[in-house]
Amino acid sequence: MSSGYIIASVTVTNPEQYEVYRKWSTMAIQTHGAEVCVRGGQVKVLEGDWNPGRTVILKFPSFEAAQAFHDTPEYRKARTAREGAAIMRMVCVEGV
């Protein structure tokens, strides 16, 4: 079975409110057993003009688990806390 990943590019617009989101999203991540591969940190563009800014990569046991995480009660609470605090671009990707 292949892993599943959530990859997010985040533009934070309200840092104080975003910290509330981080608190709730961290709890959701821990509750659902995701592995945090990347959460912030330096980004260096190697090719092209894509600059994702703040990047988050979460690893799940399967694509289905990664996809389902987005709509769990725990992560819905985090998403509600994030409203107005960030512009989120997020995809679910099947790994190998």
PDB file of N, CA and C in Angstrom:
ATOM      1  N   MET A   1       0.849  -1.179   0.000  1.00  0.00           N
ATOM      2  CA  MET A   1       0.000   0.000   0.000  1.00  0.00           C
ATOM      3  C   MET A   1       0.894   1.241   0.000  1.00  0.00           C
ATOM      4  N   SER A   2       0.529   2.225  -0.802  1.00  0.00           N
ATOM      5  CA  SER A   2       1.304   3.456  -0.879  1.00  0.00           C
ATOM      6  C   SER A   2       0.843   4.461   0.170  1.00  0.00           C
ATOM      7  N   SER A   3       1.746   5.348   0.537  1.00  0.00           N
ATOM      8  CA  SER A   3       1.444   6.410   1.495  1.00  0.00           C
ATOM      9  C   SER A   3       0.622   7.501   0.828  1.00  0.00           C
ATOM     10  N   GLY A   4       0.044   8.353   1.655  1.00  0.00           N
ATOM     11  CA  GLY A   4      -0.656   9.532   1.173  1.00  0.00           C
ATOM     12  C   GLY A   4      -0.046  10.762   1.811  1.00  0.00           C
ATOM     13  N   TYR A   5      -0.020  11.841   1.086  1.00  0.00           N
ATOM     14  CA  TYR A   5       0.578  13.082   1.567  1.00  0.00           C
ATOM     15  C   TYR A   5      -0.396  14.235   1.394  1.00  0.00           C
ATOM     16  N   ILE A   6      -0.383  15.130   2.341  1.00  0.00           N
ATOM     17  CA  ILE A   6      -1.017  16.424   2.169  1.00  0.00           C
ATOM     18  C   ILE A   6       0.114  17.422   2.011  1.00  0.00           C
ATOM     19  N   ILE A   7       0.043  18.193   0.950  1.00  0.00           N
ATOM     20  CA  ILE A   7       1.040  19.229   0.680  1.00  0.00           C
ATOM     21  C   ILE A   7       0.306  20.557   0.637  1.00  0.00           C
ATOM     22  N   ALA A   8       0.787  21.500   1.432  1.00  0.00           N
ATOM     23  CA  ALA A   8       0.126  22.802   1.520  1.00  0.00           C
ATOM     24  C   ALA A   8       1.130  23.923   1.329  1.00  0.00           C
ATOM     25  N   SER A   9       0.677  24.942   0.636  1.00  0.00           N
ATOM     26  CA  SER A   9       1.404  26.197   0.478  1.00  0.00           C
ATOM     27  C   SER A   9       0.554  27.255   1.168  1.00  0.00           C
ATOM     28  N   VAL A  10       1.154  27.955   2.132  1.00  0.00           N
ATOM     29  CA  VAL A  10       0.383  28.838   3.004  1.00  0.00           C
ATOM     30  C   VAL A  10       0.927  30.262   2.956  1.00  0.00           C
ATOM     31  N   THR A  11       0.027  31.213   2.792  1.00  0.00           N
ATOM     32  CA  THR A  11       0.368  32.624   2.943  1.00  0.00           C
ATOM     33  C   THR A  11      -0.342  33.116   4.192  1.00  0.00           C
ATOM     34  N   VAL A  12       0.426  33.381   5.232  1.00  0.00           N
ATOM     35  CA  VAL A  12      -0.148  33.813   6.502  1.00  0.00           C
ATOM     36  C   VAL A  12      -0.471  35.303   6.412  1.00  0.00           C
ATOM     37  N   THR A  13      -1.719  35.662   6.718  1.00  0.00           N
ATOM     38  CA  THR A  13      -2.153  37.061   6.660  1.00  0.00           C
ATOM     39  C   THR A  13      -2.403  37.656   8.048  1.00  0.00           C
ATOM     40  N   ASN A  14      -2.560  36.791   9.047  1.00  0.00           N
ATOM     41  CA  ASN A  14      -2.778  37.235  10.422  1.00  0.00           C
ATOM     42  C   ASN A  14      -2.003  36.282  11.337  1.00  0.00           C
ATOM     43  N   PRO A  15      -0.733  36.593  11.637  1.00  0.00           N
ATOM     44  CA  PRO A  15       0.119  35.668  12.396  1.00  0.00           C
ATOM     45  C   PRO A  15      -0.444  35.264  13.760  1.00  0.00           C
ATOM     46  N   GLU A  16      -1.056  36.183  14.479  1.00  0.00           N
ATOM     47  CA  GLU A  16      -1.592  35.845  15.799  1.00  0.00           C
ATOM     48  C   GLU A  16      -2.722  34.820  15.682  1.00  0.00           C
ATOM     49  N   GLN A  17      -3.632  35.063  14.773  1.00  0.00           N
ATOM     50  CA  GLN A  17      -4.743  34.125  14.581  1.00  0.00           C
ATOM     51  C   GLN A  17      -4.230  32.798  14.014  1.00  0.00           C
ATOM     52  N   TYR A  18      -3.207  32.859  13.172  1.00  0.00           N
ATOM     53  CA  TYR A  18      -2.647  31.637  12.587  1.00  0.00           C
ATOM     54  C   TYR A  18      -2.080  30.723  13.676  1.00  0.00           C
ATOM     55  N   GLU A  19      -1.572  31.295  14.750  1.00  0.00           N
ATOM     56  CA  GLU A  19      -1.054  30.481  15.862  1.00  0.00           C
ATOM     57  C   GLU A  19      -2.162  29.642  16.495  1.00  0.00           C
ATOM     58  N   VAL A  20      -3.377  30.170  16.527  1.00  0.00           N
ATOM     59  CA  VAL A  20      -4.512  29.392  17.037  1.00  0.00           C
ATOM     60  C   VAL A  20      -4.765  28.206  16.109  1.00  0.00           C
ATOM     61  N   TYR A  21      -4.735  28.451  14.806  1.00  0.00           N
ATOM     62  CA  TYR A  21      -4.876  27.371  13.821  1.00  0.00           C
ATOM     63  C   TYR A  21      -3.784  26.319  14.029  1.00  0.00           C
ATOM     64  N   ARG A  22      -2.536  26.761  14.193  1.00  0.00           N
ATOM     65  CA  ARG A  22      -1.417  25.813  14.387  1.00  0.00           C
ATOM     66  C   ARG A  22      -1.659  24.921  15.602  1.00  0.00           C
ATOM     67  N   LYS A  23      -2.181  25.499  16.672  1.00  0.00           N
ATOM     68  CA  LYS A  23      -2.470  24.727  17.880  1.00  0.00           C
ATOM     69  C   LYS A  23      -3.461  23.612  17.570  1.00  0.00           C
ATOM     70  N   TRP A  24      -4.582  23.975  16.929  1.00  0.00           N
ATOM     71  CA  TRP A  24      -5.617  22.986  16.637  1.00  0.00           C
ATOM     72  C   TRP A  24      -5.175  22.005  15.552  1.00  0.00           C
ATOM     73  N   SER A  25      -4.452  22.475  14.552  1.00  0.00           N
ATOM     74  CA  SER A  25      -4.008  21.557  13.497  1.00  0.00           C
ATOM     75  C   SER A  25      -2.973  20.572  14.041  1.00  0.00           C
ATOM     76  N   THR A  26      -2.120  21.021  14.956  1.00  0.00           N
ATOM     77  CA  THR A  26      -1.142  20.116  15.574  1.00  0.00           C
ATOM     78  C   THR A  26      -1.863  19.008  16.338  1.00  0.00           C
ATOM     79  N   MET A  27      -2.892  19.373  17.066  1.00  0.00           N
ATOM     80  CA  MET A  27      -3.663  18.363  17.801  1.00  0.00           C
ATOM     81  C   MET A  27      -4.335  17.379  16.835  1.00  0.00           C
ATOM     82  N   ALA A  28      -4.858  17.880  15.722  1.00  0.00           N
ATOM     83  CA  ALA A  28      -5.498  17.017  14.724  1.00  0.00           C
ATOM     84  C   ALA A  28      -4.475  16.076  14.094  1.00  0.00           C
ATOM     85  N   ILE A  29      -3.311  16.603  13.777  1.00  0.00           N
ATOM     86  CA  ILE A  29      -2.243  15.796  13.182  1.00  0.00           C
ATOM     87  C   ILE A  29      -1.851  14.670  14.132  1.00  0.00           C
ATOM     88  N   GLN A  30      -1.679  14.990  15.396  1.00  0.00           N
ATOM     89  CA  GLN A  30      -1.306  13.978  16.388  1.00  0.00           C
ATOM     90  C   GLN A  30      -2.412  12.949  16.580  1.00  0.00           C
ATOM     91  N   THR A  31      -3.653  13.406  16.621  1.00  0.00           N
ATOM     92  CA  THR A  31      -4.791  12.503  16.806  1.00  0.00           C
ATOM     93  C   THR A  31      -4.885  11.486  15.679  1.00  0.00           C
ATOM     94  N   HIS A  32      -4.558  11.907  14.461  1.00  0.00           N
ATOM     95  CA  HIS A  32      -4.725  11.038  13.295  1.00  0.00           C
ATOM     96  C   HIS A  32      -3.428  10.390  12.841  1.00  0.00           C
ATOM     97  N   GLY A  33      -2.382  10.493  13.649  1.00  0.00           N
ATOM     98  CA  GLY A  33      -1.149   9.754  13.400  1.00  0.00           C
ATOM     99  C   GLY A  33      -0.377  10.152  12.160  1.00  0.00           C
ATOM    100  N   ALA A  34      -0.531  11.384  11.732  1.00  0.00           N
ATOM    101  CA  ALA A  34       0.230  11.851  10.566  1.00  0.00           C
ATOM    102  C   ALA A  34       1.661  12.160  10.985  1.00  0.00           C
ATOM    103  N   GLU A  35       2.564  11.974  10.058  1.00  0.00           N
ATOM    104  CA  GLU A  35       3.965  12.335  10.270  1.00  0.00           C
ATOM    105  C   GLU A  35       4.207  13.695   9.628  1.00  0.00           C
ATOM    106  N   VAL A  36       4.743  14.628  10.388  1.00  0.00           N
ATOM    107  CA  VAL A  36       5.075  15.942   9.838  1.00  0.00           C
ATOM    108  C   VAL A  36       6.445  15.825   9.178  1.00  0.00           C
ATOM    109  N   CYS A  37       6.470  15.957   7.857  1.00  0.00           N
ATOM    110  CA  CYS A  37       7.729  15.899   7.104  1.00  0.00           C
ATOM    111  C   CYS A  37       8.329  17.291   6.952  1.00  0.00           C
ATOM    112  N   VAL A  38       7.483  18.277   6.698  1.00  0.00           N
ATOM    113  CA  VAL A  38       7.908  19.668   6.518  1.00  0.00           C
ATOM    114  C   VAL A  38       6.843  20.547   7.154  1.00  0.00           C
ATOM    115  N   ARG A  39       7.287  21.536   7.912  1.00  0.00           N
ATOM    116  CA  ARG A  39       6.331  22.503   8.471  1.00  0.00           C
ATOM    117  C   ARG A  39       7.063  23.832   8.591  1.00  0.00           C
ATOM    118  N   GLY A  40       6.956  24.629   7.535  1.00  0.00           N
ATOM    119  CA  GLY A  40       7.685  25.894   7.502  1.00  0.00           C
ATOM    120  C   GLY A  40       9.114  25.641   7.057  1.00  0.00           C
ATOM    121  N   GLY A  41      10.003  26.481   7.470  1.00  0.00           N
ATOM    122  CA  GLY A  41      11.401  26.322   7.092  1.00  0.00           C
ATOM    123  C   GLY A  41      11.726  27.039   5.794  1.00  0.00           C
ATOM    124  N   GLN A  42      12.982  27.037   5.501  1.00  0.00           N
ATOM    125  CA  GLN A  42      13.499  27.758   4.338  1.00  0.00           C
ATOM    126  C   GLN A  42      13.051  27.116   3.028  1.00  0.00           C
ATOM    127  N   VAL A  43      12.710  27.932   2.041  1.00  0.00           N
ATOM    128  CA  VAL A  43      12.341  27.486   0.701  1.00  0.00           C
ATOM    129  C   VAL A  43      13.299  28.138  -0.282  1.00  0.00           C
ATOM    130  N   LYS A  44      13.867  27.356  -1.176  1.00  0.00           N
ATOM    131  CA  LYS A  44      14.767  27.867  -2.215  1.00  0.00           C
ATOM    132  C   LYS A  44      14.253  27.386  -3.563  1.00  0.00           C
ATOM    133  N   VAL A  45      13.898  28.305  -4.453  1.00  0.00           N
ATOM    134  CA  VAL A  45      13.423  27.956  -5.789  1.00  0.00           C
ATOM    135  C   VAL A  45      14.605  27.463  -6.606  1.00  0.00           C
ATOM    136  N   LEU A  46      14.491  26.265  -7.168  1.00  0.00           N
ATOM    137  CA  LEU A  46      15.562  25.684  -7.978  1.00  0.00           C
ATOM    138  C   LEU A  46      15.308  25.826  -9.472  1.00  0.00           C
ATOM    139  N   GLU A  47      14.042  25.765  -9.876  1.00  0.00           N
ATOM    140  CA  GLU A  47      13.678  25.921 -11.287  1.00  0.00           C
ATOM    141  C   GLU A  47      12.311  26.577 -11.370  1.00  0.00           C
ATOM    142  N   GLY A  48      12.121  27.351 -12.415  1.00  0.00           N
ATOM    143  CA  GLY A  48      10.817  27.966 -12.644  1.00  0.00           C
ATOM    144  C   GLY A  48      10.566  29.149 -11.735  1.00  0.00           C
ATOM    145  N   ASP A  49       9.295  29.589 -11.720  1.00  0.00           N
ATOM    146  CA  ASP A  49       8.941  30.785 -10.964  1.00  0.00           C
ATOM    147  C   ASP A  49       7.996  30.485  -9.810  1.00  0.00           C
ATOM    148  N   TRP A  50       7.861  29.208  -9.439  1.00  0.00           N
ATOM    149  CA  TRP A  50       6.976  28.828  -8.352  1.00  0.00           C
ATOM    150  C   TRP A  50       7.685  29.053  -7.020  1.00  0.00           C
ATOM    151  N   ASN A  51       7.075  29.856  -6.170  1.00  0.00           N
ATOM    152  CA  ASN A  51       7.583  30.042  -4.822  1.00  0.00           C
ATOM    153  C   ASN A  51       6.423  29.791  -3.871  1.00  0.00           C
ATOM    154  N   PRO A  52       6.356  28.585  -3.294  1.00  0.00           N
ATOM    155  CA  PRO A  52       5.201  28.233  -2.478  1.00  0.00           C
ATOM    156  C   PRO A  52       5.140  28.925  -1.125  1.00  0.00           C
ATOM    157  N   GLY A  53       6.183  29.640  -0.727  1.00  0.00           N
ATOM    158  CA  GLY A  53       6.159  30.280   0.584  1.00  0.00           C
ATOM    159  C   GLY A  53       6.198  29.242   1.689  1.00  0.00           C
ATOM    160  N   ARG A  54       5.440  29.465   2.757  1.00  0.00           N
ATOM    161  CA  ARG A  54       5.401  28.502   3.863  1.00  0.00           C
ATOM    162  C   ARG A  54       4.843  27.187   3.329  1.00  0.00           C
ATOM    163  N   THR A  55       5.582  26.124   3.507  1.00  0.00           N
ATOM    164  CA  THR A  55       5.214  24.815   2.960  1.00  0.00           C
ATOM    165  C   THR A  55       5.034  23.815   4.090  1.00  0.00           C
ATOM    166  N   VAL A  56       3.988  22.999   3.969  1.00  0.00           N
ATOM    167  CA  VAL A  56       3.718  21.944   4.940  1.00  0.00           C
ATOM    168  C   VAL A  56       3.515  20.640   4.169  1.00  0.00           C
ATOM    169  N   ILE A  57       4.175  19.574   4.632  1.00  0.00           N
ATOM    170  CA  ILE A  57       3.978  18.245   4.050  1.00  0.00           C
ATOM    171  C   ILE A  57       3.718  17.275   5.190  1.00  0.00           C
ATOM    172  N   LEU A  58       2.571  16.607   5.118  1.00  0.00           N
ATOM    173  CA  LEU A  58       2.179  15.606   6.106  1.00  0.00           C
ATOM    174  C   LEU A  58       2.099  14.247   5.425  1.00  0.00           C
ATOM    175  N   LYS A  59       2.586  13.223   6.093  1.00  0.00           N
ATOM    176  CA  LYS A  59       2.543  11.860   5.551  1.00  0.00           C
ATOM    177  C   LYS A  59       1.547  11.024   6.344  1.00  0.00           C
ATOM    178  N   PHE A  60       0.716  10.286   5.611  1.00  0.00           N
ATOM    179  CA  PHE A  60      -0.290   9.404   6.188  1.00  0.00           C
ATOM    180  C   PHE A  60      -0.059   7.977   5.688  1.00  0.00           C
ATOM    181  N   PRO A  61      -0.633   6.985   6.353  1.00  0.00           N
ATOM    182  CA  PRO A  61      -0.427   5.597   5.932  1.00  0.00           C
ATOM    183  C   PRO A  61      -0.976   5.283   4.542  1.00  0.00           C
ATOM    184  N   SER A  62      -1.945   6.068   4.079  1.00  0.00           N
ATOM    185  CA  SER A  62      -2.531   5.821   2.755  1.00  0.00           C
ATOM    186  C   SER A  62      -3.087   7.120   2.184  1.00  0.00           C
ATOM    187  N   PHE A  63      -3.331   7.101   0.880  1.00  0.00           N
ATOM    188  CA  PHE A  63      -3.949   8.244   0.205  1.00  0.00           C
ATOM    189  C   PHE A  63      -5.329   8.518   0.812  1.00  0.00           C
ATOM    190  N   GLU A  64      -6.073   7.444   1.071  1.00  0.00           N
ATOM    191  CA  GLU A  64      -7.416   7.578   1.621  1.00  0.00           C
ATOM    192  C   GLU A  64      -7.389   8.231   3.006  1.00  0.00           C
ATOM    193  N   ALA A  65      -6.406   7.845   3.828  1.00  0.00           N
ATOM    194  CA  ALA A  65      -6.293   8.434   5.167  1.00  0.00           C
ATOM    195  C   ALA A  65      -5.948   9.921   5.075  1.00  0.00           C
ATOM    196  N   ALA A  66      -5.082  10.279   4.142  1.00  0.00           N
ATOM    197  CA  ALA A  66      -4.708  11.690   3.959  1.00  0.00           C
ATOM    198  C   ALA A  66      -5.924  12.491   3.505  1.00  0.00           C
ATOM    199  N   GLN A  67      -6.642  11.948   2.554  1.00  0.00           N
ATOM    200  CA  GLN A  67      -7.822  12.636   2.031  1.00  0.00           C
ATOM    201  C   GLN A  67      -8.895  12.787   3.109  1.00  0.00           C
ATOM    202  N   ALA A  68      -9.107  11.740   3.898  1.00  0.00           N
ATOM    203  CA  ALA A  68     -10.134  11.764   4.946  1.00  0.00           C
ATOM    204  C   ALA A  68      -9.788  12.745   6.065  1.00  0.00           C
ATOM    205  N   PHE A  69      -8.497  12.937   6.339  1.00  0.00           N
ATOM    206  CA  PHE A  69      -8.053  13.829   7.407  1.00  0.00           C
ATOM    207  C   PHE A  69      -8.655  15.226   7.273  1.00  0.00           C
ATOM    208  N   HIS A  70      -8.739  15.709   6.043  1.00  0.00           N
ATOM    209  CA  HIS A  70      -9.197  17.069   5.785  1.00  0.00           C
ATOM    210  C   HIS A  70     -10.587  17.329   6.346  1.00  0.00           C
ATOM    211  N   ASP A  71     -11.411  16.298   6.440  1.00  0.00           N
ATOM    212  CA  ASP A  71     -12.790  16.497   6.893  1.00  0.00           C
ATOM    213  C   ASP A  71     -13.068  15.881   8.265  1.00  0.00           C
ATOM    214  N   THR A  72     -12.023  15.598   9.043  1.00  0.00           N
ATOM    215  CA  THR A  72     -12.252  15.083  10.398  1.00  0.00           C
ATOM    216  C   THR A  72     -12.741  16.216  11.299  1.00  0.00           C
ATOM    217  N   PRO A  73     -13.467  15.881  12.361  1.00  0.00           N
ATOM    218  CA  PRO A  73     -13.921  16.937  13.279  1.00  0.00           C
ATOM    219  C   PRO A  73     -12.761  17.764  13.838  1.00  0.00           C
ATOM    220  N   GLU A  74     -11.647  17.100  14.123  1.00  0.00           N
ATOM    221  CA  GLU A  74     -10.497  17.803  14.695  1.00  0.00           C
ATOM    222  C   GLU A  74      -9.912  18.814  13.711  1.00  0.00           C
ATOM    223  N   TYR A  75      -9.773  18.409  12.449  1.00  0.00           N
ATOM    224  CA  TYR A  75      -9.196  19.346  11.488  1.00  0.00           C
ATOM    225  C   TYR A  75     -10.211  20.400  11.044  1.00  0.00           C
ATOM    226  N   ARG A  76     -11.494  20.059  11.047  1.00  0.00           N
ATOM    227  CA  ARG A  76     -12.511  21.080  10.745  1.00  0.00           C
ATOM    228  C   ARG A  76     -12.434  22.210  11.770  1.00  0.00           C
ATOM    229  N   LYS A  77     -12.183  21.862  13.029  1.00  0.00           N
ATOM    230  CA  LYS A  77     -12.033  22.883  14.073  1.00  0.00           C
ATOM    231  C   LYS A  77     -10.831  23.779  13.759  1.00  0.00           C
ATOM    232  N   ALA A  78      -9.738  23.177  13.320  1.00  0.00           N
ATOM    233  CA  ALA A  78      -8.550  23.956  12.949  1.00  0.00           C
ATOM    234  C   ALA A  78      -8.848  24.854  11.750  1.00  0.00           C
ATOM    235  N   ARG A  79      -9.545  24.321  10.749  1.00  0.00           N
ATOM    236  CA  ARG A  79      -9.878  25.118   9.565  1.00  0.00           C
ATOM    237  C   ARG A  79     -10.733  26.322   9.930  1.00  0.00           C
ATOM    238  N   THR A  80     -11.676  26.126  10.838  1.00  0.00           N
ATOM    239  CA  THR A  80     -12.502  27.244  11.285  1.00  0.00           C
ATOM    240  C   THR A  80     -11.644  28.309  11.951  1.00  0.00           C
ATOM    241  N   ALA A  81     -10.687  27.894  12.760  1.00  0.00           N
ATOM    242  CA  ALA A  81      -9.789  28.839  13.443  1.00  0.00           C
ATOM    243  C   ALA A  81      -8.893  29.583  12.453  1.00  0.00           C
ATOM    244  N   ARG A  82      -8.635  28.974  11.302  1.00  0.00           N
ATOM    245  CA  ARG A  82      -7.750  29.575  10.295  1.00  0.00           C
ATOM    246  C   ARG A  82      -8.451  30.638   9.447  1.00  0.00           C
ATOM    247  N   GLU A  83      -9.770  30.650   9.415  1.00  0.00           N
ATOM    248  CA  GLU A  83     -10.511  31.584   8.555  1.00  0.00           C
ATOM    249  C   GLU A  83     -10.056  33.016   8.808  1.00  0.00           C
ATOM    250  N   GLY A  84      -9.618  33.678   7.759  1.00  0.00           N
ATOM    251  CA  GLY A  84      -9.149  35.052   7.851  1.00  0.00           C
ATOM    252  C   GLY A  84      -7.705  35.198   8.292  1.00  0.00           C
ATOM    253  N   ALA A  85      -7.042  34.076   8.590  1.00  0.00           N
ATOM    254  CA  ALA A  85      -5.663  34.133   9.072  1.00  0.00           C
ATOM    255  C   ALA A  85      -4.639  33.723   8.027  1.00  0.00           C
ATOM    256  N   ALA A  86      -5.107  33.063   6.947  1.00  0.00           N
ATOM    257  CA  ALA A  86      -4.156  32.566   5.951  1.00  0.00           C
ATOM    258  C   ALA A  86      -4.871  32.226   4.651  1.00  0.00           C
ATOM    259  N   ILE A  87      -4.108  32.259   3.580  1.00  0.00           N
ATOM    260  CA  ILE A  87      -4.568  31.756   2.287  1.00  0.00           C
ATOM    261  C   ILE A  87      -3.920  30.397   2.126  1.00  0.00           C
ATOM    262  N   MET A  88      -4.736  29.363   2.017  1.00  0.00           N
ATOM    263  CA  MET A  88      -4.251  27.976   1.986  1.00  0.00           C
ATOM    264  C   MET A  88      -4.441  27.381   0.605  1.00  0.00           C
ATOM    265  N   ARG A  89      -3.391  26.783   0.087  1.00  0.00           N
ATOM    266  CA  ARG A  89      -3.460  25.981  -1.138  1.00  0.00           C
ATOM    267  C   ARG A  89      -3.037  24.579  -0.716  1.00  0.00           C
ATOM    268  N   MET A  90      -3.896  23.584  -0.896  1.00  0.00           N
ATOM    269  CA  MET A  90      -3.630  22.257  -0.343  1.00  0.00           C
ATOM    270  C   MET A  90      -4.028  21.194  -1.332  1.00  0.00           C
ATOM    271  N   VAL A  91      -3.170  20.174  -1.449  1.00  0.00           N
ATOM    272  CA  VAL A  91      -3.478  19.016  -2.297  1.00  0.00           C
ATOM    273  C   VAL A  91      -3.211  17.741  -1.517  1.00  0.00           C
ATOM    274  N   CYS A  92      -3.865  16.677  -1.946  1.00  0.00           N
ATOM    275  CA  CYS A  92      -3.614  15.338  -1.429  1.00  0.00           C
ATOM    276  C   CYS A  92      -2.944  14.568  -2.555  1.00  0.00           C
ATOM    277  N   VAL A  93      -1.821  13.901  -2.253  1.00  0.00           N
ATOM    278  CA  VAL A  93      -1.027  13.227  -3.272  1.00  0.00           C
ATOM    279  C   VAL A  93      -0.764  11.790  -2.838  1.00  0.00           C
ATOM    280  N   GLU A  94      -0.914  10.857  -3.770  1.00  0.00           N
ATOM    281  CA  GLU A  94      -0.570   9.475  -3.485  1.00  0.00           C
ATOM    282  C   GLU A  94       0.932   9.291  -3.655  1.00  0.00           C
ATOM    283  N   GLY A  95       1.563   8.665  -2.663  1.00  0.00           N
ATOM    284  CA  GLY A  95       2.995   8.416  -2.717  1.00  0.00           C
ATOM    285  C   GLY A  95       3.303   7.042  -3.273  1.00  0.00           C
ATOM    286  N   VAL A  96       4.559   6.681  -3.245  1.00  0.00           N
ATOM    287  CA  VAL A  96       4.978   5.362  -3.736  1.00  0.00           C
ATOM    288  C   VAL A  96       5.539   4.534  -2.609  1.00  0.00           C
TER     289      VAL A  96
END
